[in-house]
Amino acid sequence: MKTTLLTLATLSAALGFGQTAQASSDGAWAEFASAVEKACIKSASGQIENGRAVVDPYGSAKYGLAIVTGRPSGVPKSKKLADISVICVYDKKTKAAEVGGEIEIGKVMNKPKPR
């Protein structure tokens, strides 16, 4: 009896893992990245015009992550400005996206000072 129960438990677990692996297919990750990109660009639209997003392909356990970059919103086209970037967090459960404040890309790209 114990052997039968153990076999059934092992089989159930194996079938469950197969479904999880299927949900994490390349197609599912591509759909996830697309959802994060769209939600983050929309969320950043108050700060950035015609934003473009670089999406972390997998995110964290709870969040999708992206950096949205583009021209600051509301600035006349005649004024030449560098693009700005914001970090976006996309909640995998609620599918809501939030963006932080403007990040100076120069600070990100500069090499850290030796300690």
PDB file of N, CA and C in Angstrom:
ATOM      1  N   MET A   1       0.828  -1.196   0.000  1.00  0.00           N
ATOM      2  CA  MET A   1       0.000   0.000   0.000  1.00  0.00           C
ATOM      3  C   MET A   1       0.873   1.260   0.000  1.00  0.00           C
ATOM      4  N   LYS A   2       1.904   1.238   0.873  1.00  0.00           N
ATOM      5  CA  LYS A   2       2.792   2.409   0.927  1.00  0.00           C
ATOM      6  C   LYS A   2       3.494   2.620  -0.411  1.00  0.00           C
ATOM      7  N   THR A   3       3.884   1.549  -1.061  1.00  0.00           N
ATOM      8  CA  THR A   3       4.560   1.654  -2.350  1.00  0.00           C
ATOM      9  C   THR A   3       3.632   2.269  -3.394  1.00  0.00           C
ATOM     10  N   THR A   4       2.374   1.868  -3.384  1.00  0.00           N
ATOM     11  CA  THR A   4       1.402   2.413  -4.334  1.00  0.00           C
ATOM     12  C   THR A   4       1.204   3.896  -4.111  1.00  0.00           C
ATOM     13  N   LEU A   5       1.071   4.307  -2.845  1.00  0.00           N
ATOM     14  CA  LEU A   5       0.896   5.727  -2.526  1.00  0.00           C
ATOM     15  C   LEU A   5       2.128   6.535  -2.919  1.00  0.00           C
ATOM     16  N   LEU A   6       3.290   5.964  -2.642  1.00  0.00           N
ATOM     17  CA  LEU A   6       4.527   6.649  -3.001  1.00  0.00           C
ATOM     18  C   LEU A   6       4.634   6.788  -4.520  1.00  0.00           C
ATOM     19  N   THR A   7       4.277   5.758  -5.253  1.00  0.00           N
ATOM     20  CA  THR A   7       4.311   5.808  -6.712  1.00  0.00           C
ATOM     21  C   THR A   7       3.338   6.858  -7.234  1.00  0.00           C
ATOM     22  N   LEU A   8       2.122   6.890  -6.679  1.00  0.00           N
ATOM     23  CA  LEU A   8       1.134   7.886  -7.101  1.00  0.00           C
ATOM     24  C   LEU A   8       1.604   9.304  -6.787  1.00  0.00           C
ATOM     25  N   ALA A   9       2.197   9.499  -5.620  1.00  0.00           N
ATOM     26  CA  ALA A   9       2.699  10.822  -5.247  1.00  0.00           C
ATOM     27  C   ALA A   9       3.819  11.259  -6.181  1.00  0.00           C
ATOM     28  N   THR A  10       4.714  10.338  -6.507  1.00  0.00           N
ATOM     29  CA  THR A  10       5.824  10.652  -7.404  1.00  0.00           C
ATOM     30  C   THR A  10       5.305  10.982  -8.802  1.00  0.00           C
ATOM     31  N   LEU A  11       4.351  10.208  -9.283  1.00  0.00           N
ATOM     32  CA  LEU A  11       3.772  10.458 -10.597  1.00  0.00           C
ATOM     33  C   LEU A  11       3.049  11.804 -10.639  1.00  0.00           C
ATOM     34  N   SER A  12       2.296  12.104  -9.594  1.00  0.00           N
ATOM     35  CA  SER A  12       1.595  13.394  -9.526  1.00  0.00           C
ATOM     36  C   SER A  12       2.577  14.550  -9.525  1.00  0.00           C
ATOM     37  N   ALA A  13       3.640  14.418  -8.759  1.00  0.00           N
ATOM     38  CA  ALA A  13       4.651  15.478  -8.708  1.00  0.00           C
ATOM     39  C   ALA A  13       5.311  15.656 -10.070  1.00  0.00           C
ATOM     40  N   ALA A  14       5.624  14.551 -10.730  1.00  0.00           N
ATOM     41  CA  ALA A  14       6.260  14.630 -12.047  1.00  0.00           C
ATOM     42  C   ALA A  14       5.344  15.303 -13.061  1.00  0.00           C
ATOM     43  N   LEU A  15       4.070  14.970 -13.027  1.00  0.00           N
ATOM     44  CA  LEU A  15       3.126  15.607 -13.937  1.00  0.00           C
ATOM     45  C   LEU A  15       2.989  17.090 -13.635  1.00  0.00           C
ATOM     46  N   GLY A  16       2.990  17.447 -12.375  1.00  0.00           N
ATOM     47  CA  GLY A  16       2.909  18.859 -11.983  1.00  0.00           C
ATOM     48  C   GLY A  16       4.112  19.642 -12.449  1.00  0.00           C
ATOM     49  N   PHE A  17       5.312  19.046 -12.343  1.00  0.00           N
ATOM     50  CA  PHE A  17       6.517  19.722 -12.793  1.00  0.00           C
ATOM     51  C   PHE A  17       6.501  19.898 -14.304  1.00  0.00           C
ATOM     52  N   GLY A  18       5.939  18.931 -15.018  1.00  0.00           N
ATOM     53  CA  GLY A  18       5.843  19.039 -16.477  1.00  0.00           C
ATOM     54  C   GLY A  18       4.994  20.225 -16.888  1.00  0.00           C
ATOM     55  N   GLN A  19       3.920  20.487 -16.150  1.00  0.00           N
ATOM     56  CA  GLN A  19       3.073  21.628 -16.457  1.00  0.00           C
ATOM     57  C   GLN A  19       3.786  22.933 -16.167  1.00  0.00           C
ATOM     58  N   THR A  20       4.565  22.978 -15.114  1.00  0.00           N
ATOM     59  CA  THR A  20       5.311  24.184 -14.783  1.00  0.00           C
ATOM     60  C   THR A  20       6.337  24.478 -15.869  1.00  0.00           C
ATOM     61  N   ALA A  21       7.028  23.446 -16.317  1.00  0.00           N
ATOM     62  CA  ALA A  21       8.035  23.641 -17.351  1.00  0.00           C
ATOM     63  C   ALA A  21       7.384  24.126 -18.644  1.00  0.00           C
ATOM     64  N   GLN A  22       6.206  23.603 -18.956  1.00  0.00           N
ATOM     65  CA  GLN A  22       5.524  24.030 -20.159  1.00  0.00           C
ATOM     66  C   GLN A  22       5.127  25.504 -20.067  1.00  0.00           C
ATOM     67  N   ALA A  23       4.696  25.936 -18.879  1.00  0.00           N
ATOM     68  CA  ALA A  23       4.298  27.328 -18.692  1.00  0.00           C
ATOM     69  C   ALA A  23       5.491  28.263 -18.833  1.00  0.00           C
ATOM     70  N   SER A  24       6.695  27.740 -18.657  1.00  0.00           N
ATOM     71  CA  SER A  24       7.899  28.548 -18.761  1.00  0.00           C
ATOM     72  C   SER A  24       8.582  28.375 -20.117  1.00  0.00           C
ATOM     73  N   SER A  25       7.807  28.103 -21.134  1.00  0.00           N
ATOM     74  CA  SER A  25       8.359  27.915 -22.475  1.00  0.00           C
ATOM     75  C   SER A  25       8.865  29.242 -23.035  1.00  0.00           C
ATOM     76  N   ASP A  26       9.589  29.159 -24.119  1.00  0.00           N
ATOM     77  CA  ASP A  26      10.089  30.373 -24.774  1.00  0.00           C
ATOM     78  C   ASP A  26       8.936  31.296 -25.157  1.00  0.00           C
ATOM     79  N   GLY A  27       7.849  30.708 -25.637  1.00  0.00           N
ATOM     80  CA  GLY A  27       6.684  31.512 -26.017  1.00  0.00           C
ATOM     81  C   GLY A  27       6.072  32.234 -24.829  1.00  0.00           C
ATOM     82  N   ALA A  28       6.009  31.548 -23.693  1.00  0.00           N
ATOM     83  CA  ALA A  28       5.444  32.167 -22.484  1.00  0.00           C
ATOM     84  C   ALA A  28       6.332  33.313 -22.004  1.00  0.00           C
ATOM     85  N   TRP A  29       7.657  33.121 -22.070  1.00  0.00           N
ATOM     86  CA  TRP A  29       8.561  34.194 -21.651  1.00  0.00           C
ATOM     87  C   TRP A  29       8.471  35.384 -22.601  1.00  0.00           C
ATOM     88  N   ALA A  30       8.298  35.112 -23.888  1.00  0.00           N
ATOM     89  CA  ALA A  30       8.156  36.200 -24.869  1.00  0.00           C
ATOM     90  C   ALA A  30       6.873  36.989 -24.608  1.00  0.00           C
ATOM     91  N   GLU A  31       5.783  36.281 -24.289  1.00  0.00           N
ATOM     92  CA  GLU A  31       4.523  36.957 -23.953  1.00  0.00           C
ATOM     93  C   GLU A  31       4.682  37.795 -22.688  1.00  0.00           C
ATOM     94  N   PHE A  32       5.383  37.247 -21.708  1.00  0.00           N
ATOM     95  CA  PHE A  32       5.636  37.973 -20.456  1.00  0.00           C
ATOM     96  C   PHE A  32       6.424  39.249 -20.746  1.00  0.00           C
ATOM     97  N   ALA A  33       7.504  39.141 -21.516  1.00  0.00           N
ATOM     98  CA  ALA A  33       8.337  40.311 -21.835  1.00  0.00           C
ATOM     99  C   ALA A  33       7.526  41.361 -22.584  1.00  0.00           C
ATOM    100  N   SER A  34       6.669  40.931 -23.485  1.00  0.00           N
ATOM    101  CA  SER A  34       5.826  41.861 -24.234  1.00  0.00           C
ATOM    102  C   SER A  34       4.843  42.585 -23.310  1.00  0.00           C
ATOM    103  N   ALA A  35       4.255  41.849 -22.374  1.00  0.00           N
ATOM    104  CA  ALA A  35       3.319  42.463 -21.414  1.00  0.00           C
ATOM    105  C   ALA A  35       4.035  43.482 -20.536  1.00  0.00           C
ATOM    106  N   VAL A  36       5.239  43.143 -20.078  1.00  0.00           N
ATOM    107  CA  VAL A  36       6.027  44.072 -19.252  1.00  0.00           C
ATOM    108  C   VAL A  36       6.366  45.318 -20.065  1.00  0.00           C
ATOM    109  N   GLU A  37       6.812  45.121 -21.291  1.00  0.00           N
ATOM    110  CA  GLU A  37       7.187  46.251 -22.148  1.00  0.00           C
ATOM    111  C   GLU A  37       6.008  47.209 -22.336  1.00  0.00           C
ATOM    112  N   LYS A  38       4.856  46.681 -22.720  1.00  0.00           N
ATOM    113  CA  LYS A  38       3.678  47.528 -22.964  1.00  0.00           C
ATOM    114  C   LYS A  38       3.242  48.255 -21.696  1.00  0.00           C
ATOM    115  N   ALA A  39       3.159  47.527 -20.588  1.00  0.00           N
ATOM    116  CA  ALA A  39       2.707  48.137 -19.338  1.00  0.00           C
ATOM    117  C   ALA A  39       3.683  49.198 -18.848  1.00  0.00           C
ATOM    118  N   CYS A  40       4.974  48.940 -18.988  1.00  0.00           N
ATOM    119  CA  CYS A  40       5.981  49.891 -18.513  1.00  0.00           C
ATOM    120  C   CYS A  40       6.020  51.153 -19.375  1.00  0.00           C
ATOM    121  N   ILE A  41       5.933  50.996 -20.683  1.00  0.00           N
ATOM    122  CA  ILE A  41       5.924  52.170 -21.563  1.00  0.00           C
ATOM    123  C   ILE A  41       4.697  53.022 -21.257  1.00  0.00           C
ATOM    124  N   LYS A  42       3.559  52.383 -21.057  1.00  0.00           N
ATOM    125  CA  LYS A  42       2.333  53.115 -20.721  1.00  0.00           C
ATOM    126  C   LYS A  42       2.477  53.828 -19.376  1.00  0.00           C
ATOM    127  N   SER A  43       3.036  53.132 -18.391  1.00  0.00           N
ATOM    128  CA  SER A  43       3.202  53.721 -17.065  1.00  0.00           C
ATOM    129  C   SER A  43       4.173  54.906 -17.086  1.00  0.00           C
ATOM    130  N   ALA A  44       5.160  54.859 -17.957  1.00  0.00           N
ATOM    131  CA  ALA A  44       6.168  55.932 -18.048  1.00  0.00           C
ATOM    132  C   ALA A  44       5.736  57.070 -18.956  1.00  0.00           C
ATOM    133  N   SER A  45       4.591  56.947 -19.616  1.00  0.00           N
ATOM    134  CA  SER A  45       4.196  57.933 -20.628  1.00  0.00           C
ATOM    135  C   SER A  45       4.018  59.344 -20.072  1.00  0.00           C
ATOM    136  N   GLY A  46       3.778  59.485 -18.794  1.00  0.00           N
ATOM    137  CA  GLY A  46       3.689  60.816 -18.197  1.00  0.00           C
ATOM    138  C   GLY A  46       5.041  61.504 -18.102  1.00  0.00           C
ATOM    139  N   GLN A  47       6.110  60.718 -18.103  1.00  0.00           N
ATOM    140  CA  GLN A  47       7.463  61.254 -17.992  1.00  0.00           C
ATOM    141  C   GLN A  47       8.228  61.193 -19.307  1.00  0.00           C
ATOM    142  N   ILE A  48       7.878  60.198 -20.144  1.00  0.00           N
ATOM    143  CA  ILE A  48       8.670  59.919 -21.346  1.00  0.00           C
ATOM    144  C   ILE A  48       7.758  59.787 -22.562  1.00  0.00           C
ATOM    145  N   GLU A  49       8.103  60.530 -23.632  1.00  0.00           N
ATOM    146  CA  GLU A  49       7.377  60.415 -24.899  1.00  0.00           C
ATOM    147  C   GLU A  49       8.002  59.313 -25.739  1.00  0.00           C
ATOM    148  N   ASN A  50       7.174  58.561 -26.421  1.00  0.00           N
ATOM    149  CA  ASN A  50       7.658  57.511 -27.325  1.00  0.00           C
ATOM    150  C   ASN A  50       8.741  56.657 -26.676  1.00  0.00           C
ATOM    151  N   GLY A  51       8.462  56.195 -25.469  1.00  0.00           N
ATOM    152  CA  GLY A  51       9.441  55.404 -24.736  1.00  0.00           C
ATOM    153  C   GLY A  51       9.754  54.077 -25.402  1.00  0.00           C
ATOM    154  N   ARG A  52      10.924  53.588 -25.107  1.00  0.00           N
ATOM    155  CA  ARG A  52      11.333  52.249 -25.525  1.00  0.00           C
ATOM    156  C   ARG A  52      11.844  51.547 -24.274  1.00  0.00           C
ATOM    157  N   ALA A  53      11.551  50.272 -24.177  1.00  0.00           N
ATOM    158  CA  ALA A  53      11.881  49.538 -22.953  1.00  0.00           C
ATOM    159  C   ALA A  53      12.881  48.424 -23.224  1.00  0.00           C
ATOM    160  N   VAL A  54      13.782  48.255 -22.277  1.00  0.00           N
ATOM    161  CA  VAL A  54      14.668  47.093 -22.247  1.00  0.00           C
ATOM    162  C   VAL A  54      14.165  46.267 -21.071  1.00  0.00           C
ATOM    163  N   VAL A  55      13.689  45.060 -21.378  1.00  0.00           N
ATOM    164  CA  VAL A  55      13.048  44.220 -20.372  1.00  0.00           C
ATOM    165  C   VAL A  55      13.990  43.119 -19.925  1.00  0.00           C
ATOM    166  N   ASP A  56      14.091  42.934 -18.607  1.00  0.00           N
ATOM    167  CA  ASP A  56      14.773  41.764 -18.055  1.00  0.00           C
ATOM    168  C   ASP A  56      13.928  40.569 -18.504  1.00  0.00           C
ATOM    169  N   PRO A  57      14.495  39.615 -19.227  1.00  0.00           N
ATOM    170  CA  PRO A  57      13.675  38.567 -19.831  1.00  0.00           C
ATOM    171  C   PRO A  57      12.893  37.704 -18.845  1.00  0.00           C
ATOM    172  N   TYR A  58      13.316  37.632 -17.577  1.00  0.00           N
ATOM    173  CA  TYR A  58      12.638  36.770 -16.618  1.00  0.00           C
ATOM    174  C   TYR A  58      12.127  37.521 -15.394  1.00  0.00           C
ATOM    175  N   GLY A  59      12.696  38.660 -15.091  1.00  0.00           N
ATOM    176  CA  GLY A  59      12.288  39.411 -13.908  1.00  0.00           C
ATOM    177  C   GLY A  59      12.716  38.706 -12.636  1.00  0.00           C
ATOM    178  N   SER A  60      12.086  39.095 -11.537  1.00  0.00           N
ATOM    179  CA  SER A  60      12.347  38.435 -10.265  1.00  0.00           C
ATOM    180  C   SER A  60      11.190  37.479  -9.995  1.00  0.00           C
ATOM    181  N   ALA A  61      11.164  36.884  -8.818  1.00  0.00           N
ATOM    182  CA  ALA A  61      10.092  35.944  -8.490  1.00  0.00           C
ATOM    183  C   ALA A  61       8.713  36.603  -8.540  1.00  0.00           C
ATOM    184  N   LYS A  62       8.615  37.866  -8.146  1.00  0.00           N
ATOM    185  CA  LYS A  62       7.321  38.544  -8.069  1.00  0.00           C
ATOM    186  C   LYS A  62       7.122  39.637  -9.111  1.00  0.00           C
ATOM    187  N   TYR A  63       8.212  40.118  -9.713  1.00  0.00           N
ATOM    188  CA  TYR A  63       8.105  41.306 -10.558  1.00  0.00           C
ATOM    189  C   TYR A  63       8.783  41.138 -11.912  1.00  0.00           C
ATOM    190  N   GLY A  64       8.209  41.788 -12.907  1.00  0.00           N
ATOM    191  CA  GLY A  64       8.881  42.001 -14.170  1.00  0.00           C
ATOM    192  C   GLY A  64       9.650  43.307 -14.026  1.00  0.00           C
ATOM    193  N   LEU A  65      10.784  43.415 -14.675  1.00  0.00           N
ATOM    194  CA  LEU A  65      11.645  44.587 -14.521  1.00  0.00           C
ATOM    195  C   LEU A  65      12.045  45.124 -15.889  1.00  0.00           C
ATOM    196  N   ALA A  66      12.078  46.441 -16.002  1.00  0.00           N
ATOM    197  CA  ALA A  66      12.468  47.055 -17.270  1.00  0.00           C
ATOM    198  C   ALA A  66      13.048  48.440 -17.018  1.00  0.00           C
ATOM    199  N   ILE A  67      13.801  48.919 -17.982  1.00  0.00           N
ATOM    200  CA  ILE A  67      14.257  50.302 -18.017  1.00  0.00           C
ATOM    201  C   ILE A  67      13.610  50.934 -19.235  1.00  0.00           C
ATOM    202  N   VAL A  68      12.899  52.025 -19.019  1.00  0.00           N
ATOM    203  CA  VAL A  68      12.225  52.733 -20.108  1.00  0.00           C
ATOM    204  C   VAL A  68      13.004  54.016 -20.382  1.00  0.00           C
ATOM    205  N   THR A  69      13.320  54.252 -21.645  1.00  0.00           N
ATOM    206  CA  THR A  69      14.124  55.395 -22.054  1.00  0.00           C
ATOM    207  C   THR A  69      13.422  56.149 -23.174  1.00  0.00           C
ATOM    208  N   GLY A  70      13.587  57.462 -23.182  1.00  0.00           N
ATOM    209  CA  GLY A  70      13.033  58.280 -24.254  1.00  0.00           C
ATOM    210  C   GLY A  70      13.128  59.756 -23.935  1.00  0.00           C
ATOM    211  N   ARG A  71      12.526  60.552 -24.790  1.00  0.00           N
ATOM    212  CA  ARG A  71      12.529  62.012 -24.650  1.00  0.00           C
ATOM    213  C   ARG A  71      11.614  62.421 -23.497  1.00  0.00           C
ATOM    214  N   PRO A  72      12.053  63.363 -22.676  1.00  0.00           N
ATOM    215  CA  PRO A  72      11.188  63.835 -21.589  1.00  0.00           C
ATOM    216  C   PRO A  72       9.863  64.377 -22.138  1.00  0.00           C
ATOM    217  N   SER A  73       8.765  64.041 -21.501  1.00  0.00           N
ATOM    218  CA  SER A  73       7.434  64.511 -21.937  1.00  0.00           C
ATOM    219  C   SER A  73       7.298  66.005 -21.749  1.00  0.00           C
ATOM    220  N   GLY A  74       6.575  66.623 -22.668  1.00  0.00           N
ATOM    221  CA  GLY A  74       6.227  68.032 -22.542  1.00  0.00           C
ATOM    222  C   GLY A  74       7.303  69.021 -22.916  1.00  0.00           C
ATOM    223  N   VAL A  75       8.434  68.561 -23.374  1.00  0.00           N
ATOM    224  CA  VAL A  75       9.522  69.459 -23.768  1.00  0.00           C
ATOM    225  C   VAL A  75       9.377  69.745 -25.261  1.00  0.00           C
ATOM    226  N   PRO A  76       9.409  71.014 -25.666  1.00  0.00           N
ATOM    227  CA  PRO A  76       9.284  71.328 -27.090  1.00  0.00           C
ATOM    228  C   PRO A  76      10.342  70.601 -27.917  1.00  0.00           C
ATOM    229  N   LYS A  77       9.941  70.152 -29.095  1.00  0.00           N
ATOM    230  CA  LYS A  77      10.850  69.410 -29.980  1.00  0.00           C
ATOM    231  C   LYS A  77      12.065  70.239 -30.376  1.00  0.00           C
ATOM    232  N   SER A  78      11.907  71.573 -30.386  1.00  0.00           N
ATOM    233  CA  SER A  78      13.013  72.443 -30.785  1.00  0.00           C
ATOM    234  C   SER A  78      14.135  72.446 -29.742  1.00  0.00           C
ATOM    235  N   LYS A  79      13.813  72.076 -28.517  1.00  0.00           N
ATOM    236  CA  LYS A  79      14.825  72.046 -27.461  1.00  0.00           C
ATOM    237  C   LYS A  79      15.543  70.691 -27.482  1.00  0.00           C
ATOM    238  N   LYS A  80      16.846  70.744 -27.670  1.00  0.00           N
ATOM    239  CA  LYS A  80      17.624  69.511 -27.722  1.00  0.00           C
ATOM    240  C   LYS A  80      17.972  69.068 -26.308  1.00  0.00           C
ATOM    241  N   LEU A  81      17.525  67.865 -25.990  1.00  0.00           N
ATOM    242  CA  LEU A  81      17.790  67.283 -24.677  1.00  0.00           C
ATOM    243  C   LEU A  81      18.218  65.838 -24.828  1.00  0.00           C
ATOM    244  N   ALA A  82      18.986  65.389 -23.874  1.00  0.00           N
ATOM    245  CA  ALA A  82      19.335  63.968 -23.843  1.00  0.00           C
ATOM    246  C   ALA A  82      18.110  63.174 -23.379  1.00  0.00           C
ATOM    247  N   ASP A  83      18.023  61.930 -23.809  1.00  0.00           N
ATOM    248  CA  ASP A  83      16.949  61.061 -23.340  1.00  0.00           C
ATOM    249  C   ASP A  83      17.085  60.829 -21.840  1.00  0.00           C
ATOM    250  N   ILE A  84      15.962  60.493 -21.233  1.00  0.00           N
ATOM    251  CA  ILE A  84      15.961  60.136 -19.821  1.00  0.00           C
ATOM    252  C   ILE A  84      15.529  58.678 -19.697  1.00  0.00           C
ATOM    253  N   SER A  85      15.779  58.091 -18.552  1.00  0.00           N
ATOM    254  CA  SER A  85      15.387  56.706 -18.284  1.00  0.00           C
ATOM    255  C   SER A  85      14.752  56.608 -16.914  1.00  0.00           C
ATOM    256  N   VAL A  86      13.860  55.626 -16.780  1.00  0.00           N
ATOM    257  CA  VAL A  86      13.247  55.306 -15.490  1.00  0.00           C
ATOM    258  C   VAL A  86      13.242  53.791 -15.339  1.00  0.00           C
ATOM    259  N   ILE A  87      13.255  53.339 -14.101  1.00  0.00           N
ATOM    260  CA  ILE A  87      13.126  51.915 -13.820  1.00  0.00           C
ATOM    261  C   ILE A  87      11.645  51.619 -13.643  1.00  0.00           C
ATOM    262  N   CYS A  88      11.214  50.504 -14.221  1.00  0.00           N
ATOM    263  CA  CYS A  88       9.821  50.090 -14.123  1.00  0.00           C
ATOM    264  C   CYS A  88       9.749  48.725 -13.431  1.00  0.00           C
ATOM    265  N   VAL A  89       8.756  48.591 -12.554  1.00  0.00           N
ATOM    266  CA  VAL A  89       8.482  47.336 -11.865  1.00  0.00           C
ATOM    267  C   VAL A  89       7.061  46.921 -12.226  1.00  0.00           C
ATOM    268  N   TYR A  90       6.914  45.694 -12.695  1.00  0.00           N
ATOM    269  CA  TYR A  90       5.633  45.149 -13.144  1.00  0.00           C
ATOM    270  C   TYR A  90       5.258  43.990 -12.226  1.00  0.00           C
ATOM    271  N   ASP A  91       4.161  44.127 -11.519  1.00  0.00           N
ATOM    272  CA  ASP A  91       3.720  43.089 -10.589  1.00  0.00           C
ATOM    273  C   ASP A  91       3.149  41.913 -11.386  1.00  0.00           C
ATOM    274  N   LYS A  92       3.755  40.742 -11.270  1.00  0.00           N
ATOM    275  CA  LYS A  92       3.326  39.579 -12.039  1.00  0.00           C
ATOM    276  C   LYS A  92       1.910  39.140 -11.664  1.00  0.00           C
ATOM    277  N   LYS A  93       1.531  39.367 -10.417  1.00  0.00           N
ATOM    278  CA  LYS A  93       0.216  38.929  -9.950  1.00  0.00           C
ATOM    279  C   LYS A  93      -0.895  39.880 -10.403  1.00  0.00           C
ATOM    280  N   THR A  94      -0.719  41.180 -10.159  1.00  0.00           N
ATOM    281  CA  THR A  94      -1.772  42.156 -10.471  1.00  0.00           C
ATOM    282  C   THR A  94      -1.648  42.726 -11.882  1.00  0.00           C
ATOM    283  N   LYS A  95      -0.485  42.543 -12.512  1.00  0.00           N
ATOM    284  CA  LYS A  95      -0.185  43.071 -13.840  1.00  0.00           C
ATOM    285  C   LYS A  95      -0.158  44.606 -13.877  1.00  0.00           C
ATOM    286  N   ALA A  96       0.083  45.211 -12.731  1.00  0.00           N
ATOM    287  CA  ALA A  96       0.208  46.671 -12.634  1.00  0.00           C
ATOM    288  C   ALA A  96       1.685  47.046 -12.728  1.00  0.00           C
ATOM    289  N   ALA A  97       1.956  48.169 -13.398  1.00  0.00           N
ATOM    290  CA  ALA A  97       3.330  48.643 -13.549  1.00  0.00           C
ATOM    291  C   ALA A  97       3.491  49.984 -12.851  1.00  0.00           C
ATOM    292  N   GLU A  98       4.663  50.195 -12.274  1.00  0.00           N
ATOM    293  CA  GLU A  98       5.018  51.472 -11.639  1.00  0.00           C
ATOM    294  C   GLU A  98       6.406  51.861 -12.105  1.00  0.00           C
ATOM    295  N   VAL A  99       6.621  53.168 -12.229  1.00  0.00           N
ATOM    296  CA  VAL A  99       7.952  53.650 -12.595  1.00  0.00           C
ATOM    297  C   VAL A  99       8.489  54.544 -11.491  1.00  0.00           C
ATOM    298  N   GLY A 100       9.810  54.581 -11.407  1.00  0.00           N
ATOM    299  CA  GLY A 100      10.475  55.458 -10.457  1.00  0.00           C
ATOM    300  C   GLY A 100      10.787  56.795 -11.106  1.00  0.00           C
ATOM    301  N   GLY A 101      11.606  57.562 -10.438  1.00  0.00           N
ATOM    302  CA  GLY A 101      12.011  58.864 -10.951  1.00  0.00           C
ATOM    303  C   GLY A 101      13.088  58.739 -12.010  1.00  0.00           C
ATOM    304  N   GLU A 102      13.386  59.872 -12.608  1.00  0.00           N
ATOM    305  CA  GLU A 102      14.378  59.933 -13.674  1.00  0.00           C
ATOM    306  C   GLU A 102      15.751  59.510 -13.164  1.00  0.00           C
ATOM    307  N   ILE A 103      16.432  58.732 -13.989  1.00  0.00           N
ATOM    308  CA  ILE A 103      17.790  58.279 -13.663  1.00  0.00           C
ATOM    309  C   ILE A 103      18.751  58.950 -14.627  1.00  0.00           C
ATOM    310  N   GLU A 104      19.828  59.476 -14.102  1.00  0.00           N
ATOM    311  CA  GLU A 104      20.856  60.059 -14.950  1.00  0.00           C
ATOM    312  C   GLU A 104      21.710  58.923 -15.503  1.00  0.00           C
ATOM    313  N   ILE A 105      21.594  58.692 -16.786  1.00  0.00           N
ATOM    314  CA  ILE A 105      22.310  57.581 -17.415  1.00  0.00           C
ATOM    315  C   ILE A 105      23.822  57.734 -17.249  1.00  0.00           C
ATOM    316  N   GLY A 106      24.313  58.947 -17.249  1.00  0.00           N
ATOM    317  CA  GLY A 106      25.747  59.165 -17.058  1.00  0.00           C
ATOM    318  C   GLY A 106      26.256  58.555 -15.767  1.00  0.00           C
ATOM    319  N   LYS A 107      25.440  58.588 -14.725  1.00  0.00           N
ATOM    320  CA  LYS A 107      25.844  57.995 -13.449  1.00  0.00           C
ATOM    321  C   LYS A 107      25.888  56.479 -13.546  1.00  0.00           C
ATOM    322  N   VAL A 108      25.008  55.902 -14.314  1.00  0.00           N
ATOM    323  CA  VAL A 108      24.970  54.454 -14.462  1.00  0.00           C
ATOM    324  C   VAL A 108      26.150  53.971 -15.291  1.00  0.00           C
ATOM    325  N   MET A 109      26.505  54.735 -16.312  1.00  0.00           N
ATOM    326  CA  MET A 109      27.535  54.297 -17.237  1.00  0.00           C
ATOM    327  C   MET A 109      28.954  54.621 -16.782  1.00  0.00           C
ATOM    328  N   ASN A 110      29.094  55.534 -15.851  1.00  0.00           N
ATOM    329  CA  ASN A 110      30.430  55.869 -15.353  1.00  0.00           C
ATOM    330  C   ASN A 110      30.974  54.724 -14.512  1.00  0.00           C
ATOM    331  N   LYS A 111      32.275  54.561 -14.587  1.00  0.00           N
ATOM    332  CA  LYS A 111      32.918  53.537 -13.778  1.00  0.00           C
ATOM    333  C   LYS A 111      32.916  53.983 -12.307  1.00  0.00           C
ATOM    334  N   PRO A 112      32.704  53.035 -11.389  1.00  0.00           N
ATOM    335  CA  PRO A 112      32.741  53.405  -9.980  1.00  0.00           C
ATOM    336  C   PRO A 112      34.139  53.856  -9.575  1.00  0.00           C
ATOM    337  N   LYS A 113      34.164  54.772  -8.615  1.00  0.00           N
ATOM    338  CA  LYS A 113      35.445  55.255  -8.111  1.00  0.00           C
ATOM    339  C   LYS A 113      36.081  54.189  -7.239  1.00  0.00           C
ATOM    340  N   PRO A 114      37.397  54.015  -7.351  1.00  0.00           N
ATOM    341  CA  PRO A 114      38.076  53.022  -6.490  1.00  0.00           C
ATOM    342  C   PRO A 114      37.956  53.417  -5.023  1.00  0.00           C
ATOM    343  N   ARG A 115      37.887  52.429  -4.183  1.00  0.00           N
ATOM    344  CA  ARG A 115      37.758  52.699  -2.735  1.00  0.00           C
ATOM    345  C   ARG A 115      39.078  52.636  -2.054  1.00  0.00           C
TER     346      ARG A 115
END
